[in-house]
Amino acid sequence: MIGALRCGRAQPGRTTPDSITASRRSRGSATAELAASLPAVVLLLLVGLTAVDAVATRLRCVDAARDAALTVARGEPASTAHLPTGGRLAVSASGDQITAVVSAPVYAGWRSLRVSATAVAAVES
């Protein structure tokens, strides 16, 4: 036991000045690490939400383009009932095919994104 004290080893259950100093130096490090990583977490969250919104808007564009192409192919006016918010519809005819293109904006915090979808339908007689 005496040899252990001479070598600088602490006895179980006792604190030494070195361990107290080390715990004081590490105090607040979790807060600093969280503060340093928080911008990356926010950026990943923003990218994930933008991706989910882009997929959902793309699906709405596909539905709107399909409905518009089918209604025009039947000889009716283009249906804009399923257009996403801020969406644009362009319908063109070539021969016996009707092409409908729908594009819509996607919310992105740092820049403007647009998704689009195209549908083709044969003209009904």
N, C-alpha and C. Protein backbone atom coordinates (compact mmCIF):
# COMPACT_ATOMS: atom_id res chain seq x y z
N MET A 1 0.81 -1.18 0.00
CA MET A 1 0.00 0.00 0.00
C MET A 1 0.86 1.26 0.00
N ILE A 2 1.94 1.22 0.72
CA ILE A 2 2.81 2.38 0.78
C ILE A 2 3.45 2.61 -0.57
N GLY A 3 3.80 1.54 -1.26
CA GLY A 3 4.39 1.67 -2.59
C GLY A 3 3.41 2.29 -3.57
N ALA A 4 2.12 2.00 -3.41
CA ALA A 4 1.11 2.55 -4.30
C ALA A 4 0.99 4.05 -4.13
N LEU A 5 1.12 4.53 -2.91
CA LEU A 5 1.02 5.97 -2.69
C LEU A 5 2.25 6.69 -3.22
N ARG A 6 3.39 6.06 -3.15
CA ARG A 6 4.61 6.69 -3.66
C ARG A 6 4.61 6.78 -5.17
N CYS A 7 3.95 5.88 -5.85
CA CYS A 7 3.92 5.89 -7.31
C CYS A 7 2.91 6.89 -7.85
N GLY A 8 2.12 7.50 -7.01
CA GLY A 8 1.16 8.49 -7.45
C GLY A 8 -0.20 7.91 -7.81
N ARG A 9 -0.43 6.66 -7.46
CA ARG A 9 -1.73 6.07 -7.73
C ARG A 9 -2.70 6.46 -6.64
N ALA A 10 -3.94 6.72 -7.05
CA ALA A 10 -4.97 7.09 -6.09
C ALA A 10 -5.58 5.85 -5.49
N GLN A 11 -5.99 5.97 -4.26
CA GLN A 11 -6.68 4.87 -3.63
C GLN A 11 -8.14 4.89 -4.08
N PRO A 12 -8.78 3.74 -4.15
CA PRO A 12 -10.18 3.70 -4.56
C PRO A 12 -11.04 4.54 -3.62
N GLY A 13 -11.93 5.33 -4.21
CA GLY A 13 -12.85 6.13 -3.43
C GLY A 13 -12.33 7.51 -3.10
N ARG A 14 -11.07 7.79 -3.39
CA ARG A 14 -10.51 9.10 -3.10
C ARG A 14 -10.26 9.86 -4.40
N THR A 15 -10.47 11.15 -4.36
CA THR A 15 -10.20 11.98 -5.54
C THR A 15 -8.86 12.65 -5.37
N THR A 16 -8.21 12.86 -6.47
CA THR A 16 -6.91 13.53 -6.46
C THR A 16 -7.05 14.88 -7.13
N PRO A 17 -6.13 15.77 -6.89
CA PRO A 17 -6.21 17.08 -7.55
C PRO A 17 -6.21 16.98 -9.07
N ASP A 18 -5.54 15.98 -9.62
CA ASP A 18 -5.52 15.81 -11.08
C ASP A 18 -6.90 15.45 -11.62
N SER A 19 -7.64 14.58 -10.92
CA SER A 19 -8.97 14.18 -11.40
C SER A 19 -9.96 15.33 -11.26
N ILE A 20 -9.80 16.16 -10.25
CA ILE A 20 -10.69 17.32 -10.08
C ILE A 20 -10.43 18.32 -11.20
N THR A 21 -9.19 18.57 -11.53
CA THR A 21 -8.84 19.50 -12.59
C THR A 21 -9.33 18.99 -13.94
N ALA A 22 -9.22 17.69 -14.19
CA ALA A 22 -9.67 17.11 -15.46
C ALA A 22 -11.18 17.23 -15.59
N SER A 23 -11.92 17.02 -14.51
CA SER A 23 -13.37 17.13 -14.61
C SER A 23 -13.80 18.57 -14.80
N ARG A 24 -13.07 19.51 -14.24
CA ARG A 24 -13.39 20.92 -14.45
C ARG A 24 -13.11 21.33 -15.90
N ARG A 25 -12.06 20.79 -16.49
CA ARG A 25 -11.74 21.11 -17.89
C ARG A 25 -12.77 20.54 -18.85
N SER A 26 -13.36 19.40 -18.55
CA SER A 26 -14.32 18.78 -19.45
C SER A 26 -15.75 19.27 -19.22
N ARG A 27 -15.95 20.06 -18.18
CA ARG A 27 -17.29 20.59 -17.90
C ARG A 27 -17.70 21.54 -19.03
N GLY A 28 -18.91 21.33 -19.60
CA GLY A 28 -19.41 22.18 -20.68
C GLY A 28 -19.01 21.70 -22.06
N SER A 29 -18.25 20.63 -22.15
CA SER A 29 -17.83 20.17 -23.47
C SER A 29 -19.00 19.61 -24.27
N ALA A 30 -19.99 19.03 -23.62
CA ALA A 30 -21.16 18.51 -24.34
C ALA A 30 -21.94 19.67 -24.97
N THR A 31 -22.04 20.77 -24.25
CA THR A 31 -22.72 21.94 -24.79
C THR A 31 -21.97 22.50 -25.99
N ALA A 32 -20.67 22.55 -25.89
CA ALA A 32 -19.86 23.07 -27.00
C ALA A 32 -19.95 22.16 -28.22
N GLU A 33 -19.95 20.86 -28.01
CA GLU A 33 -20.06 19.93 -29.13
C GLU A 33 -21.43 20.04 -29.79
N LEU A 34 -22.49 20.21 -28.99
CA LEU A 34 -23.82 20.38 -29.55
C LEU A 34 -23.90 21.68 -30.36
N ALA A 35 -23.34 22.75 -29.82
CA ALA A 35 -23.35 24.03 -30.53
C ALA A 35 -22.57 23.95 -31.84
N ALA A 36 -21.51 23.18 -31.87
CA ALA A 36 -20.72 23.05 -33.09
C ALA A 36 -21.43 22.19 -34.13
N SER A 37 -22.19 21.19 -33.70
CA SER A 37 -22.84 20.28 -34.66
C SER A 37 -24.26 20.71 -35.02
N LEU A 38 -24.82 21.68 -34.34
CA LEU A 38 -26.19 22.10 -34.59
C LEU A 38 -26.42 22.63 -36.01
N PRO A 39 -25.53 23.43 -36.60
CA PRO A 39 -25.76 23.85 -37.99
C PRO A 39 -25.83 22.68 -38.97
N ALA A 40 -25.02 21.66 -38.77
CA ALA A 40 -25.06 20.49 -39.65
C ALA A 40 -26.38 19.74 -39.50
N VAL A 41 -26.88 19.64 -38.29
CA VAL A 41 -28.15 18.96 -38.05
C VAL A 41 -29.29 19.73 -38.71
N VAL A 42 -29.28 21.05 -38.58
CA VAL A 42 -30.32 21.88 -39.19
C VAL A 42 -30.26 21.77 -40.71
N LEU A 43 -29.06 21.76 -41.28
CA LEU A 43 -28.91 21.63 -42.73
C LEU A 43 -29.43 20.28 -43.21
N LEU A 44 -29.12 19.22 -42.51
CA LEU A 44 -29.64 17.89 -42.89
C LEU A 44 -31.16 17.83 -42.79
N LEU A 45 -31.72 18.46 -41.78
CA LEU A 45 -33.16 18.50 -41.64
C LEU A 45 -33.80 19.27 -42.79
N LEU A 46 -33.21 20.39 -43.17
CA LEU A 46 -33.74 21.19 -44.28
C LEU A 46 -33.65 20.42 -45.60
N VAL A 47 -32.56 19.74 -45.84
CA VAL A 47 -32.42 18.95 -47.07
C VAL A 47 -33.43 17.81 -47.09
N GLY A 48 -33.63 17.15 -45.96
CA GLY A 48 -34.59 16.06 -45.89
C GLY A 48 -36.02 16.53 -46.13
N LEU A 49 -36.40 17.65 -45.53
CA LEU A 49 -37.75 18.17 -45.75
C LEU A 49 -37.95 18.63 -47.19
N THR A 50 -36.92 19.20 -47.78
CA THR A 50 -37.01 19.62 -49.19
C THR A 50 -37.19 18.40 -50.09
N ALA A 51 -36.48 17.32 -49.80
CA ALA A 51 -36.59 16.10 -50.61
C ALA A 51 -37.99 15.50 -50.50
N VAL A 52 -38.53 15.47 -49.30
CA VAL A 52 -39.89 14.93 -49.12
C VAL A 52 -40.90 15.79 -49.86
N ASP A 53 -40.76 17.12 -49.76
CA ASP A 53 -41.68 18.02 -50.45
C ASP A 53 -41.54 17.88 -51.97
N ALA A 54 -40.32 17.67 -52.45
CA ALA A 54 -40.12 17.51 -53.90
C ALA A 54 -40.80 16.24 -54.41
N VAL A 55 -40.70 15.17 -53.67
CA VAL A 55 -41.35 13.91 -54.09
C VAL A 55 -42.87 14.06 -54.08
N ALA A 56 -43.40 14.68 -53.03
CA ALA A 56 -44.86 14.86 -52.96
C ALA A 56 -45.35 15.78 -54.08
N THR A 57 -44.63 16.85 -54.36
CA THR A 57 -45.03 17.76 -55.44
C THR A 57 -44.92 17.07 -56.79
N ARG A 58 -43.92 16.25 -56.98
CA ARG A 58 -43.76 15.51 -58.24
C ARG A 58 -44.95 14.57 -58.45
N LEU A 59 -45.40 13.90 -57.41
CA LEU A 59 -46.56 13.01 -57.54
C LEU A 59 -47.82 13.79 -57.89
N ARG A 60 -47.99 14.97 -57.29
CA ARG A 60 -49.14 15.80 -57.64
C ARG A 60 -49.05 16.27 -59.09
N CYS A 61 -47.83 16.56 -59.56
CA CYS A 61 -47.65 16.96 -60.97
C CYS A 61 -48.00 15.81 -61.91
N VAL A 62 -47.61 14.60 -61.57
CA VAL A 62 -47.93 13.43 -62.40
C VAL A 62 -49.44 13.26 -62.50
N ASP A 63 -50.14 13.36 -61.37
CA ASP A 63 -51.60 13.23 -61.39
C ASP A 63 -52.26 14.32 -62.23
N ALA A 64 -51.80 15.56 -62.06
CA ALA A 64 -52.39 16.68 -62.80
C ALA A 64 -52.13 16.55 -64.29
N ALA A 65 -50.93 16.14 -64.68
CA ALA A 65 -50.60 15.98 -66.10
C ALA A 65 -51.44 14.86 -66.72
N ARG A 66 -51.58 13.76 -66.01
CA ARG A 66 -52.38 12.64 -66.53
C ARG A 66 -53.84 13.06 -66.71
N ASP A 67 -54.41 13.73 -65.72
CA ASP A 67 -55.81 14.17 -65.82
C ASP A 67 -56.00 15.15 -66.96
N ALA A 68 -55.07 16.10 -67.11
CA ALA A 68 -55.19 17.10 -68.18
C ALA A 68 -55.08 16.44 -69.55
N ALA A 69 -54.14 15.52 -69.72
CA ALA A 69 -53.97 14.86 -71.02
C ALA A 69 -55.21 14.03 -71.36
N LEU A 70 -55.77 13.34 -70.40
CA LEU A 70 -56.95 12.51 -70.67
C LEU A 70 -58.18 13.36 -71.00
N THR A 71 -58.38 14.47 -70.28
CA THR A 71 -59.55 15.30 -70.57
C THR A 71 -59.46 15.97 -71.93
N VAL A 72 -58.26 16.41 -72.30
CA VAL A 72 -58.09 17.04 -73.62
C VAL A 72 -58.24 15.98 -74.72
N ALA A 73 -57.76 14.76 -74.47
CA ALA A 73 -57.89 13.68 -75.46
C ALA A 73 -59.36 13.32 -75.69
N ARG A 74 -60.22 13.52 -74.71
CA ARG A 74 -61.65 13.26 -74.87
C ARG A 74 -62.37 14.42 -75.53
N GLY A 75 -61.68 15.53 -75.77
CA GLY A 75 -62.29 16.68 -76.41
C GLY A 75 -62.83 17.71 -75.43
N GLU A 76 -62.53 17.57 -74.16
CA GLU A 76 -62.97 18.52 -73.13
C GLU A 76 -61.86 19.53 -72.85
N PRO A 77 -62.17 20.64 -72.18
CA PRO A 77 -61.12 21.59 -71.82
C PRO A 77 -60.18 20.98 -70.78
N ALA A 78 -58.94 21.46 -70.76
CA ALA A 78 -57.93 20.91 -69.85
C ALA A 78 -58.36 21.08 -68.40
N SER A 79 -58.23 20.02 -67.63
CA SER A 79 -58.59 20.03 -66.23
C SER A 79 -57.43 20.56 -65.39
N THR A 80 -57.72 21.58 -64.61
CA THR A 80 -56.70 22.13 -63.70
C THR A 80 -57.06 21.86 -62.25
N ALA A 81 -57.93 20.92 -62.02
CA ALA A 81 -58.40 20.63 -60.66
C ALA A 81 -57.29 20.08 -59.76
N HIS A 82 -56.36 19.33 -60.30
CA HIS A 82 -55.34 18.70 -59.48
C HIS A 82 -53.99 19.40 -59.54
N LEU A 83 -53.95 20.62 -60.09
CA LEU A 83 -52.68 21.34 -60.16
C LEU A 83 -52.16 21.66 -58.76
N PRO A 84 -50.88 21.42 -58.52
CA PRO A 84 -50.32 21.82 -57.23
C PRO A 84 -50.29 23.34 -57.10
N THR A 85 -50.12 23.83 -55.91
CA THR A 85 -50.06 25.26 -55.67
C THR A 85 -48.91 25.87 -56.47
N GLY A 86 -49.21 26.88 -57.26
CA GLY A 86 -48.19 27.52 -58.08
C GLY A 86 -47.83 26.75 -59.34
N GLY A 87 -48.59 25.71 -59.66
CA GLY A 87 -48.28 24.87 -60.81
C GLY A 87 -48.68 25.50 -62.13
N ARG A 88 -47.98 25.10 -63.19
CA ARG A 88 -48.27 25.57 -64.55
C ARG A 88 -48.58 24.36 -65.43
N LEU A 89 -49.53 24.55 -66.32
CA LEU A 89 -49.95 23.49 -67.22
C LEU A 89 -49.73 23.94 -68.65
N ALA A 90 -49.10 23.09 -69.45
CA ALA A 90 -48.92 23.34 -70.88
C ALA A 90 -49.40 22.11 -71.63
N VAL A 91 -50.34 22.31 -72.56
CA VAL A 91 -50.91 21.21 -73.34
C VAL A 91 -50.59 21.46 -74.80
N SER A 92 -50.11 20.41 -75.46
CA SER A 92 -49.83 20.52 -76.90
C SER A 92 -50.35 19.27 -77.60
N ALA A 93 -50.67 19.44 -78.87
CA ALA A 93 -51.19 18.33 -79.68
C ALA A 93 -50.29 18.15 -80.89
N SER A 94 -49.98 16.90 -81.19
CA SER A 94 -49.21 16.59 -82.40
C SER A 94 -49.78 15.30 -82.97
N GLY A 95 -50.42 15.43 -84.12
CA GLY A 95 -51.04 14.26 -84.74
C GLY A 95 -52.19 13.76 -83.89
N ASP A 96 -52.12 12.50 -83.49
CA ASP A 96 -53.20 11.93 -82.68
C ASP A 96 -52.78 11.77 -81.22
N GLN A 97 -51.79 12.57 -80.77
CA GLN A 97 -51.34 12.50 -79.37
C GLN A 97 -51.46 13.86 -78.70
N ILE A 98 -51.88 13.83 -77.46
CA ILE A 98 -51.96 15.03 -76.63
C ILE A 98 -50.88 14.90 -75.55
N THR A 99 -50.07 15.94 -75.39
CA THR A 99 -49.02 15.95 -74.38
C THR A 99 -49.32 17.06 -73.37
N ALA A 100 -49.34 16.71 -72.12
CA ALA A 100 -49.54 17.69 -71.04
C ALA A 100 -48.31 17.71 -70.16
N VAL A 101 -47.81 18.91 -69.89
CA VAL A 101 -46.64 19.10 -69.03
C VAL A 101 -47.06 19.99 -67.87
N VAL A 102 -46.83 19.52 -66.66
CA VAL A 102 -47.14 20.28 -65.45
C VAL A 102 -45.84 20.49 -64.69
N SER A 103 -45.59 21.74 -64.29
CA SER A 103 -44.43 22.03 -63.44
C SER A 103 -44.90 22.84 -62.24
N ALA A 104 -44.23 22.66 -61.12
CA ALA A 104 -44.63 23.34 -59.88
C ALA A 104 -43.39 23.61 -59.04
N PRO A 105 -43.43 24.68 -58.25
CA PRO A 105 -42.29 24.99 -57.38
C PRO A 105 -42.25 24.10 -56.15
N VAL A 106 -41.04 23.89 -55.66
CA VAL A 106 -40.82 23.14 -54.43
C VAL A 106 -40.21 24.11 -53.43
N TYR A 107 -40.71 24.11 -52.21
CA TYR A 107 -40.14 24.98 -51.20
C TYR A 107 -38.75 24.49 -50.83
N ALA A 108 -37.79 25.37 -50.97
CA ALA A 108 -36.42 25.11 -50.52
C ALA A 108 -35.92 26.38 -49.88
N GLY A 109 -35.37 26.29 -48.70
CA GLY A 109 -34.98 27.46 -47.95
C GLY A 109 -33.89 28.29 -48.59
N TRP A 110 -33.07 27.71 -49.42
CA TRP A 110 -31.94 28.47 -49.93
C TRP A 110 -32.03 28.78 -51.42
N ARG A 111 -32.86 28.08 -52.17
CA ARG A 111 -32.99 28.38 -53.59
C ARG A 111 -34.31 27.86 -54.13
N SER A 112 -34.63 28.28 -55.33
CA SER A 112 -35.90 27.91 -55.95
C SER A 112 -35.72 26.64 -56.76
N LEU A 113 -36.57 25.67 -56.53
CA LEU A 113 -36.55 24.41 -57.27
C LEU A 113 -37.91 24.21 -57.93
N ARG A 114 -37.93 23.57 -59.08
CA ARG A 114 -39.18 23.22 -59.76
C ARG A 114 -39.10 21.76 -60.17
N VAL A 115 -40.23 21.08 -60.04
CA VAL A 115 -40.34 19.71 -60.54
C VAL A 115 -41.41 19.72 -61.64
N SER A 116 -41.31 18.74 -62.52
CA SER A 116 -42.28 18.68 -63.60
C SER A 116 -42.60 17.23 -63.93
N ALA A 117 -43.72 17.07 -64.64
CA ALA A 117 -44.15 15.75 -65.07
C ALA A 117 -44.84 15.90 -66.44
N THR A 118 -44.70 14.88 -67.25
CA THR A 118 -45.28 14.87 -68.59
C THR A 118 -46.18 13.64 -68.74
N ALA A 119 -47.32 13.85 -69.40
CA ALA A 119 -48.24 12.74 -69.69
C ALA A 119 -48.68 12.84 -71.14
N VAL A 120 -48.82 11.70 -71.77
CA VAL A 120 -49.24 11.63 -73.18
C VAL A 120 -50.48 10.74 -73.25
N ALA A 121 -51.47 11.20 -74.04
CA ALA A 121 -52.68 10.41 -74.24
C ALA A 121 -53.06 10.44 -75.71
N ALA A 122 -53.64 9.38 -76.19
CA ALA A 122 -54.08 9.30 -77.58
C ALA A 122 -55.45 9.97 -77.70
N VAL A 123 -55.65 10.68 -78.82
CA VAL A 123 -56.92 11.36 -79.07
C VAL A 123 -58.00 10.32 -79.28
N GLU A 124 -59.14 10.47 -78.56
CA GLU A 124 -60.24 9.54 -78.71
C GLU A 124 -61.16 10.02 -79.83
N SER A 125 -61.67 9.10 -80.58
CA SER A 125 -62.54 9.46 -81.71
C SER A 125 -63.97 9.57 -81.31
